[in-house]
Amino acid sequence: MGLPIIEQAKIQAQVLVPLVKALQRELGEPRANALVRRALGDLYRRYGQEFWRTRGEGNVGKAMASAFATFARGDALDYQVREQSHDVCAIDVTGCRYAEFYKELGEPELGFLLVCSADFLMAEGFDPDITLTRRQTIMQGASHCDFRYRRQSDLD
């Protein structure tokens, strides 16, 4: 089944955190962060496309439940599915070891940049009618992360 994503993120952080910090010192934080988002954007969109192609089957609820189970492996997330249907999936993450890890490093802002920002980039790779709304994250100090995936036609 492979290494849990939380463990992959910890390994990647050993290289990415010093690299991003160096870029921020050299280019300034806004410019460096934009560069990192652009550099990782295509990669995460492709992950989203592949995920949707292999597991989406057009069912938002089923696909997102599967995705969260994958990201939660290794006791990485505590979460509750609030709503799940063909067109909607609402999930609240109430515990996040990704956030704990980056807080222990003293780099929660980089955790948001490298981990949480990927959520929207991956969602861009799903079916173009699928939208993600998230108003808050644990990584940024909120009590929970509120993921809301919805088929766009469902919003009309």
N, C-alpha and C. Protein backbone atom coordinates (compact mmCIF):
# COMPACT_ATOMS: atom_id res chain seq x y z
N MET A 1 0.82 -1.20 0.00
CA MET A 1 0.00 0.00 0.00
C MET A 1 0.86 1.26 0.00
N GLY A 2 2.12 1.12 0.32
CA GLY A 2 3.01 2.26 0.25
C GLY A 2 3.04 3.07 1.52
N LEU A 3 3.93 4.02 1.52
CA LEU A 3 4.13 4.91 2.66
C LEU A 3 2.94 5.86 2.79
N PRO A 4 2.38 6.02 4.00
CA PRO A 4 1.27 6.97 4.17
C PRO A 4 1.70 8.37 3.72
N ILE A 5 0.76 9.14 3.22
CA ILE A 5 1.06 10.48 2.71
C ILE A 5 1.65 11.37 3.79
N ILE A 6 1.22 11.21 5.03
CA ILE A 6 1.80 12.01 6.12
C ILE A 6 3.31 11.78 6.21
N GLU A 7 3.74 10.54 6.04
CA GLU A 7 5.17 10.23 6.11
C GLU A 7 5.90 10.79 4.88
N GLN A 8 5.25 10.72 3.73
CA GLN A 8 5.83 11.32 2.52
C GLN A 8 6.01 12.82 2.71
N ALA A 9 5.00 13.48 3.30
CA ALA A 9 5.07 14.93 3.53
C ALA A 9 6.21 15.29 4.47
N LYS A 10 6.44 14.47 5.48
CA LYS A 10 7.54 14.73 6.41
C LYS A 10 8.89 14.60 5.72
N ILE A 11 9.01 13.61 4.87
CA ILE A 11 10.26 13.43 4.12
C ILE A 11 10.48 14.60 3.16
N GLN A 12 9.44 14.97 2.43
CA GLN A 12 9.54 16.08 1.49
C GLN A 12 9.90 17.39 2.20
N ALA A 13 9.37 17.57 3.41
CA ALA A 13 9.63 18.80 4.17
C ALA A 13 11.11 18.98 4.47
N GLN A 14 11.85 17.89 4.60
CA GLN A 14 13.28 18.00 4.88
C GLN A 14 14.01 18.75 3.78
N VAL A 15 13.52 18.66 2.56
CA VAL A 15 14.12 19.36 1.42
C VAL A 15 13.38 20.66 1.13
N LEU A 16 12.05 20.59 1.12
CA LEU A 16 11.26 21.74 0.68
C LEU A 16 11.32 22.92 1.64
N VAL A 17 11.31 22.67 2.94
CA VAL A 17 11.32 23.79 3.89
C VAL A 17 12.59 24.62 3.75
N PRO A 18 13.78 24.03 3.77
CA PRO A 18 14.98 24.87 3.58
C PRO A 18 15.01 25.55 2.21
N LEU A 19 14.53 24.86 1.19
CA LEU A 19 14.51 25.44 -0.15
C LEU A 19 13.58 26.66 -0.20
N VAL A 20 12.38 26.52 0.31
CA VAL A 20 11.42 27.63 0.28
C VAL A 20 11.93 28.78 1.15
N LYS A 21 12.51 28.48 2.30
CA LYS A 21 13.05 29.55 3.16
C LYS A 21 14.16 30.32 2.42
N ALA A 22 15.01 29.60 1.70
CA ALA A 22 16.07 30.26 0.93
C ALA A 22 15.47 31.13 -0.18
N LEU A 23 14.47 30.62 -0.87
CA LEU A 23 13.79 31.41 -1.90
C LEU A 23 13.16 32.66 -1.31
N GLN A 24 12.54 32.52 -0.14
CA GLN A 24 11.91 33.67 0.50
C GLN A 24 12.94 34.74 0.87
N ARG A 25 14.08 34.31 1.36
CA ARG A 25 15.15 35.27 1.70
C ARG A 25 15.66 35.98 0.45
N GLU A 26 15.79 35.23 -0.63
CA GLU A 26 16.36 35.76 -1.87
C GLU A 26 15.37 36.63 -2.65
N LEU A 27 14.12 36.17 -2.75
CA LEU A 27 13.13 36.81 -3.61
C LEU A 27 12.08 37.61 -2.86
N GLY A 28 12.00 37.44 -1.56
CA GLY A 28 10.91 38.00 -0.79
C GLY A 28 9.79 36.95 -0.70
N GLU A 29 9.08 36.98 0.42
CA GLU A 29 8.07 35.95 0.67
C GLU A 29 6.96 35.88 -0.38
N PRO A 30 6.33 37.00 -0.76
CA PRO A 30 5.24 36.90 -1.74
C PRO A 30 5.69 36.30 -3.07
N ARG A 31 6.82 36.78 -3.56
CA ARG A 31 7.31 36.28 -4.86
C ARG A 31 7.73 34.81 -4.78
N ALA A 32 8.42 34.45 -3.70
CA ALA A 32 8.86 33.06 -3.53
C ALA A 32 7.65 32.12 -3.39
N ASN A 33 6.66 32.52 -2.60
CA ASN A 33 5.48 31.67 -2.41
C ASN A 33 4.71 31.50 -3.72
N ALA A 34 4.61 32.55 -4.50
CA ALA A 34 3.94 32.46 -5.80
C ALA A 34 4.70 31.50 -6.72
N LEU A 35 6.01 31.57 -6.69
CA LEU A 35 6.84 30.68 -7.50
C LEU A 35 6.63 29.22 -7.08
N VAL A 36 6.60 28.96 -5.78
CA VAL A 36 6.37 27.60 -5.28
C VAL A 36 5.00 27.10 -5.70
N ARG A 37 3.96 27.95 -5.56
CA ARG A 37 2.60 27.54 -5.98
C ARG A 37 2.57 27.20 -7.46
N ARG A 38 3.21 28.02 -8.29
CA ARG A 38 3.24 27.74 -9.74
C ARG A 38 3.98 26.45 -10.03
N ALA A 39 5.13 26.27 -9.37
CA ALA A 39 5.95 25.09 -9.62
C ALA A 39 5.22 23.80 -9.22
N LEU A 40 4.48 23.84 -8.14
CA LEU A 40 3.78 22.65 -7.68
C LEU A 40 2.39 22.51 -8.29
N GLY A 41 1.87 23.59 -8.84
CA GLY A 41 0.49 23.60 -9.35
C GLY A 41 0.21 22.53 -10.38
N ASP A 42 1.03 22.45 -11.41
CA ASP A 42 0.79 21.46 -12.47
C ASP A 42 0.87 20.04 -11.92
N LEU A 43 1.81 19.81 -11.02
CA LEU A 43 1.96 18.48 -10.42
C LEU A 43 0.70 18.08 -9.66
N TYR A 44 0.20 18.98 -8.82
CA TYR A 44 -0.99 18.65 -8.03
C TYR A 44 -2.25 18.56 -8.90
N ARG A 45 -2.33 19.39 -9.93
CA ARG A 45 -3.47 19.25 -10.87
C ARG A 45 -3.46 17.88 -11.54
N ARG A 46 -2.26 17.43 -11.95
CA ARG A 46 -2.15 16.09 -12.56
C ARG A 46 -2.55 15.00 -11.56
N TYR A 47 -2.15 15.15 -10.30
CA TYR A 47 -2.59 14.19 -9.27
C TYR A 47 -4.11 14.17 -9.21
N GLY A 48 -4.71 15.35 -9.23
CA GLY A 48 -6.16 15.44 -9.19
C GLY A 48 -6.81 14.79 -10.40
N GLN A 49 -6.27 15.03 -11.57
CA GLN A 49 -6.80 14.42 -12.79
C GLN A 49 -6.71 12.90 -12.72
N GLU A 50 -5.58 12.39 -12.31
CA GLU A 50 -5.39 10.94 -12.21
C GLU A 50 -6.32 10.33 -11.17
N PHE A 51 -6.42 11.00 -10.04
CA PHE A 51 -7.32 10.51 -8.99
C PHE A 51 -8.75 10.45 -9.49
N TRP A 52 -9.20 11.54 -10.12
CA TRP A 52 -10.59 11.60 -10.59
C TRP A 52 -10.83 10.55 -11.68
N ARG A 53 -9.86 10.36 -12.54
CA ARG A 53 -9.99 9.39 -13.61
C ARG A 53 -10.09 7.97 -13.07
N THR A 54 -9.30 7.66 -12.05
CA THR A 54 -9.27 6.29 -11.54
C THR A 54 -10.28 6.00 -10.44
N ARG A 55 -10.70 7.04 -9.69
CA ARG A 55 -11.59 6.78 -8.56
C ARG A 55 -12.85 7.65 -8.53
N GLY A 56 -12.92 8.65 -9.38
CA GLY A 56 -14.04 9.58 -9.31
C GLY A 56 -15.35 8.99 -9.75
N GLU A 57 -15.35 8.32 -10.89
CA GLU A 57 -16.56 7.72 -11.45
C GLU A 57 -17.74 8.68 -11.46
N GLY A 58 -17.47 9.98 -11.46
CA GLY A 58 -18.53 10.97 -11.51
C GLY A 58 -19.24 11.20 -10.19
N ASN A 59 -18.87 10.47 -9.15
CA ASN A 59 -19.55 10.56 -7.86
C ASN A 59 -18.69 11.35 -6.88
N VAL A 60 -19.10 12.57 -6.59
CA VAL A 60 -18.32 13.46 -5.74
C VAL A 60 -18.15 12.87 -4.34
N GLY A 61 -19.24 12.44 -3.75
CA GLY A 61 -19.18 11.91 -2.38
C GLY A 61 -18.27 10.71 -2.25
N LYS A 62 -18.42 9.77 -3.16
CA LYS A 62 -17.60 8.55 -3.13
C LYS A 62 -16.12 8.88 -3.34
N ALA A 63 -15.83 9.75 -4.30
CA ALA A 63 -14.45 10.10 -4.60
C ALA A 63 -13.78 10.81 -3.43
N MET A 64 -14.45 11.78 -2.83
CA MET A 64 -13.84 12.54 -1.75
C MET A 64 -13.71 11.70 -0.48
N ALA A 65 -14.65 10.82 -0.22
CA ALA A 65 -14.52 9.91 0.93
C ALA A 65 -13.29 9.03 0.75
N SER A 66 -13.06 8.56 -0.45
CA SER A 66 -11.88 7.75 -0.75
C SER A 66 -10.61 8.58 -0.59
N ALA A 67 -10.62 9.81 -1.07
CA ALA A 67 -9.44 10.67 -0.96
C ALA A 67 -9.10 10.94 0.51
N PHE A 68 -10.10 11.26 1.31
CA PHE A 68 -9.82 11.55 2.72
C PHE A 68 -9.32 10.32 3.46
N ALA A 69 -9.82 9.16 3.11
CA ALA A 69 -9.32 7.93 3.72
C ALA A 69 -7.83 7.75 3.39
N THR A 70 -7.45 8.09 2.17
CA THR A 70 -6.05 7.99 1.76
C THR A 70 -5.18 8.98 2.51
N PHE A 71 -5.60 10.23 2.59
CA PHE A 71 -4.81 11.26 3.28
C PHE A 71 -4.79 11.05 4.79
N ALA A 72 -5.75 10.31 5.33
CA ALA A 72 -5.82 10.05 6.77
C ALA A 72 -4.99 8.86 7.22
N ARG A 73 -4.51 8.06 6.26
CA ARG A 73 -3.71 6.88 6.63
C ARG A 73 -2.55 7.27 7.55
N GLY A 74 -2.18 6.35 8.42
CA GLY A 74 -1.10 6.64 9.35
C GLY A 74 -1.55 7.55 10.48
N ASP A 75 -2.85 7.55 10.77
CA ASP A 75 -3.43 8.40 11.83
C ASP A 75 -3.17 9.88 11.56
N ALA A 76 -3.18 10.27 10.28
CA ALA A 76 -2.84 11.65 9.91
C ALA A 76 -3.99 12.64 10.12
N LEU A 77 -5.23 12.17 10.02
CA LEU A 77 -6.38 13.08 10.13
C LEU A 77 -7.47 12.46 10.99
N ASP A 78 -8.14 13.31 11.74
CA ASP A 78 -9.43 12.96 12.36
C ASP A 78 -10.45 13.77 11.58
N TYR A 79 -11.49 13.13 11.07
CA TYR A 79 -12.46 13.87 10.28
C TYR A 79 -13.84 13.24 10.37
N GLN A 80 -14.82 14.07 10.03
CA GLN A 80 -16.21 13.63 10.01
C GLN A 80 -16.81 14.01 8.67
N VAL A 81 -17.50 13.04 8.07
CA VAL A 81 -18.24 13.31 6.84
C VAL A 81 -19.58 13.90 7.25
N ARG A 82 -19.83 15.13 6.86
CA ARG A 82 -21.06 15.83 7.22
C ARG A 82 -22.18 15.59 6.21
N GLU A 83 -21.80 15.44 4.94
CA GLU A 83 -22.78 15.20 3.88
C GLU A 83 -22.06 14.47 2.75
N GLN A 84 -22.72 13.46 2.20
CA GLN A 84 -22.10 12.71 1.11
C GLN A 84 -23.20 12.24 0.16
N SER A 85 -23.08 12.67 -1.09
CA SER A 85 -24.03 12.24 -2.12
C SER A 85 -23.29 12.22 -3.46
N HIS A 86 -24.00 11.95 -4.51
CA HIS A 86 -23.41 11.92 -5.84
C HIS A 86 -22.80 13.27 -6.21
N ASP A 87 -23.42 14.36 -5.78
CA ASP A 87 -23.00 15.70 -6.19
C ASP A 87 -22.32 16.53 -5.11
N VAL A 88 -22.27 16.05 -3.88
CA VAL A 88 -21.78 16.85 -2.76
C VAL A 88 -20.99 15.98 -1.79
N CYS A 89 -19.95 16.57 -1.22
CA CYS A 89 -19.26 15.95 -0.10
C CYS A 89 -18.80 17.06 0.83
N ALA A 90 -19.24 17.01 2.07
CA ALA A 90 -18.85 17.98 3.08
C ALA A 90 -18.12 17.23 4.19
N ILE A 91 -16.88 17.63 4.44
CA ILE A 91 -16.05 16.96 5.44
C ILE A 91 -15.41 18.02 6.34
N ASP A 92 -15.46 17.76 7.63
CA ASP A 92 -14.76 18.60 8.60
C ASP A 92 -13.58 17.81 9.16
N VAL A 93 -12.39 18.37 9.03
CA VAL A 93 -11.20 17.77 9.63
C VAL A 93 -11.05 18.41 11.01
N THR A 94 -11.05 17.57 12.03
CA THR A 94 -11.00 18.07 13.41
C THR A 94 -9.65 17.85 14.08
N GLY A 95 -8.81 17.04 13.47
CA GLY A 95 -7.45 16.81 13.97
C GLY A 95 -6.53 16.59 12.79
N CYS A 96 -5.37 17.24 12.79
CA CYS A 96 -4.49 17.18 11.62
C CYS A 96 -3.03 17.06 12.05
N ARG A 97 -2.46 15.88 11.83
CA ARG A 97 -1.05 15.68 12.15
C ARG A 97 -0.13 16.41 11.18
N TYR A 98 -0.62 16.74 9.99
CA TYR A 98 0.18 17.57 9.07
C TYR A 98 0.42 18.94 9.74
N ALA A 99 -0.64 19.52 10.29
CA ALA A 99 -0.53 20.82 10.96
C ALA A 99 0.36 20.71 12.20
N GLU A 100 0.19 19.64 12.96
CA GLU A 100 1.02 19.45 14.16
C GLU A 100 2.49 19.37 13.78
N PHE A 101 2.78 18.65 12.71
CA PHE A 101 4.17 18.50 12.25
C PHE A 101 4.78 19.86 11.89
N TYR A 102 4.07 20.64 11.09
CA TYR A 102 4.62 21.94 10.67
C TYR A 102 4.67 22.93 11.84
N LYS A 103 3.77 22.82 12.80
CA LYS A 103 3.85 23.67 13.99
C LYS A 103 5.07 23.29 14.82
N GLU A 104 5.35 21.98 14.93
CA GLU A 104 6.55 21.54 15.66
C GLU A 104 7.82 22.06 14.98
N LEU A 105 7.79 22.16 13.66
CA LEU A 105 8.94 22.73 12.93
C LEU A 105 9.03 24.24 13.11
N GLY A 106 7.95 24.85 13.61
CA GLY A 106 7.89 26.31 13.71
C GLY A 106 7.58 26.96 12.38
N GLU A 107 6.96 26.20 11.46
CA GLU A 107 6.71 26.68 10.10
C GLU A 107 5.27 26.45 9.64
N PRO A 108 4.26 26.85 10.44
CA PRO A 108 2.88 26.59 10.00
C PRO A 108 2.53 27.28 8.68
N GLU A 109 3.15 28.44 8.41
CA GLU A 109 2.88 29.13 7.14
C GLU A 109 3.34 28.29 5.96
N LEU A 110 4.49 27.64 6.13
CA LEU A 110 4.98 26.77 5.06
C LEU A 110 4.14 25.51 4.96
N GLY A 111 3.62 25.04 6.06
CA GLY A 111 2.70 23.90 6.02
C GLY A 111 1.47 24.25 5.21
N PHE A 112 0.95 25.47 5.39
CA PHE A 112 -0.20 25.89 4.60
C PHE A 112 0.16 25.96 3.12
N LEU A 113 1.32 26.53 2.83
CA LEU A 113 1.77 26.66 1.44
C LEU A 113 1.99 25.30 0.78
N LEU A 114 2.65 24.39 1.48
CA LEU A 114 3.06 23.13 0.87
C LEU A 114 2.03 22.01 0.99
N VAL A 115 1.15 22.07 1.97
CA VAL A 115 0.18 21.00 2.17
C VAL A 115 -1.24 21.49 1.85
N CYS A 116 -1.70 22.50 2.57
CA CYS A 116 -3.09 22.93 2.43
C CYS A 116 -3.39 23.54 1.07
N SER A 117 -2.46 24.28 0.51
CA SER A 117 -2.69 24.89 -0.81
C SER A 117 -2.87 23.84 -1.90
N ALA A 118 -2.30 22.66 -1.69
CA ALA A 118 -2.43 21.58 -2.67
C ALA A 118 -3.87 21.12 -2.84
N ASP A 119 -4.69 21.29 -1.81
CA ASP A 119 -6.09 20.85 -1.89
C ASP A 119 -6.82 21.51 -3.06
N PHE A 120 -6.65 22.80 -3.20
CA PHE A 120 -7.33 23.52 -4.29
C PHE A 120 -6.74 23.18 -5.64
N LEU A 121 -5.42 23.01 -5.68
CA LEU A 121 -4.77 22.65 -6.94
C LEU A 121 -5.21 21.27 -7.41
N MET A 122 -5.30 20.32 -6.47
CA MET A 122 -5.78 18.99 -6.84
C MET A 122 -7.23 19.06 -7.31
N ALA A 123 -8.05 19.84 -6.63
CA ALA A 123 -9.46 19.97 -7.01
C ALA A 123 -9.60 20.53 -8.42
N GLU A 124 -8.67 21.39 -8.83
CA GLU A 124 -8.69 21.91 -10.20
C GLU A 124 -8.51 20.80 -11.23
N GLY A 125 -7.87 19.71 -10.83
CA GLY A 125 -7.65 18.59 -11.73
C GLY A 125 -8.84 17.65 -11.84
N PHE A 126 -9.80 17.76 -10.93
CA PHE A 126 -11.00 16.94 -11.00
C PHE A 126 -11.84 17.41 -12.18
N ASP A 127 -12.97 16.85 -12.30
CA ASP A 127 -13.97 17.28 -13.28
C ASP A 127 -14.14 18.80 -13.18
N PRO A 128 -14.17 19.52 -14.30
CA PRO A 128 -14.26 20.99 -14.24
C PRO A 128 -15.53 21.50 -13.55
N ASP A 129 -16.53 20.65 -13.40
CA ASP A 129 -17.77 21.05 -12.73
C ASP A 129 -17.68 20.93 -11.21
N ILE A 130 -16.58 20.39 -10.69
CA ILE A 130 -16.43 20.20 -9.25
C ILE A 130 -15.71 21.40 -8.65
N THR A 131 -16.28 21.97 -7.60
CA THR A 131 -15.65 23.09 -6.91
C THR A 131 -15.36 22.71 -5.46
N LEU A 132 -14.31 23.29 -4.93
CA LEU A 132 -13.96 23.13 -3.52
C LEU A 132 -14.08 24.49 -2.86
N THR A 133 -14.74 24.51 -1.73
CA THR A 133 -14.79 25.68 -0.88
C THR A 133 -14.23 25.26 0.48
N ARG A 134 -13.33 26.07 1.00
CA ARG A 134 -12.81 25.82 2.35
C ARG A 134 -12.54 27.19 2.95
N ARG A 135 -13.22 27.50 4.05
CA ARG A 135 -13.11 28.82 4.65
C ARG A 135 -12.04 28.91 5.74
N GLN A 136 -11.61 27.76 6.27
CA GLN A 136 -10.67 27.81 7.39
C GLN A 136 -9.86 26.52 7.45
N THR A 137 -8.69 26.61 8.10
CA THR A 137 -7.85 25.43 8.28
C THR A 137 -7.26 25.41 9.68
N ILE A 138 -7.01 24.22 10.15
CA ILE A 138 -6.30 24.04 11.42
C ILE A 138 -4.90 24.62 11.30
N MET A 139 -4.28 24.45 10.14
CA MET A 139 -2.91 24.93 9.91
C MET A 139 -2.82 26.44 10.17
N GLN A 140 -3.92 27.16 9.92
CA GLN A 140 -3.93 28.61 10.13
C GLN A 140 -4.58 28.99 11.45
N GLY A 141 -4.76 28.00 12.34
CA GLY A 141 -5.23 28.30 13.69
C GLY A 141 -6.71 28.08 13.96
N ALA A 142 -7.47 27.63 12.98
CA ALA A 142 -8.90 27.39 13.19
C ALA A 142 -9.11 26.08 13.96
N SER A 143 -10.31 25.90 14.46
CA SER A 143 -10.64 24.69 15.21
C SER A 143 -10.75 23.46 14.31
N HIS A 144 -11.06 23.70 13.04
CA HIS A 144 -11.21 22.60 12.08
C HIS A 144 -11.08 23.13 10.66
N CYS A 145 -10.91 22.21 9.73
CA CYS A 145 -10.91 22.55 8.30
C CYS A 145 -12.27 22.14 7.75
N ASP A 146 -12.87 23.02 6.96
CA ASP A 146 -14.22 22.73 6.44
C ASP A 146 -14.17 22.58 4.92
N PHE A 147 -14.03 21.35 4.48
CA PHE A 147 -13.98 21.04 3.05
C PHE A 147 -15.39 20.85 2.53
N ARG A 148 -15.71 21.57 1.44
CA ARG A 148 -17.02 21.44 0.81
C ARG A 148 -16.81 21.28 -0.70
N TYR A 149 -17.01 20.06 -1.17
CA TYR A 149 -16.91 19.76 -2.60
C TYR A 149 -18.32 19.70 -3.15
N ARG A 150 -18.51 20.31 -4.32
CA ARG A 150 -19.85 20.36 -4.89
C ARG A 150 -19.75 20.39 -6.41
N ARG A 151 -20.65 19.66 -7.03
CA ARG A 151 -20.76 19.73 -8.48
C ARG A 151 -21.36 21.09 -8.81
N GLN A 152 -20.69 21.83 -9.70
CA GLN A 152 -21.09 23.20 -10.04
C GLN A 152 -22.54 23.27 -10.47
N SER A 153 -22.99 22.34 -11.28
CA SER A 153 -24.38 22.37 -11.76
C SER A 153 -25.35 22.30 -10.58
N ASP A 154 -24.90 21.75 -9.44
CA ASP A 154 -25.72 21.66 -8.24
C ASP A 154 -25.90 23.03 -7.60
N LEU A 155 -25.00 23.99 -7.92
CA LEU A 155 -25.08 25.34 -7.35
C LEU A 155 -26.08 26.21 -8.10
N ASP A 156 -26.40 25.83 -9.31
CA ASP A 156 -27.28 26.66 -10.13
C ASP A 156 -28.71 26.68 -9.61
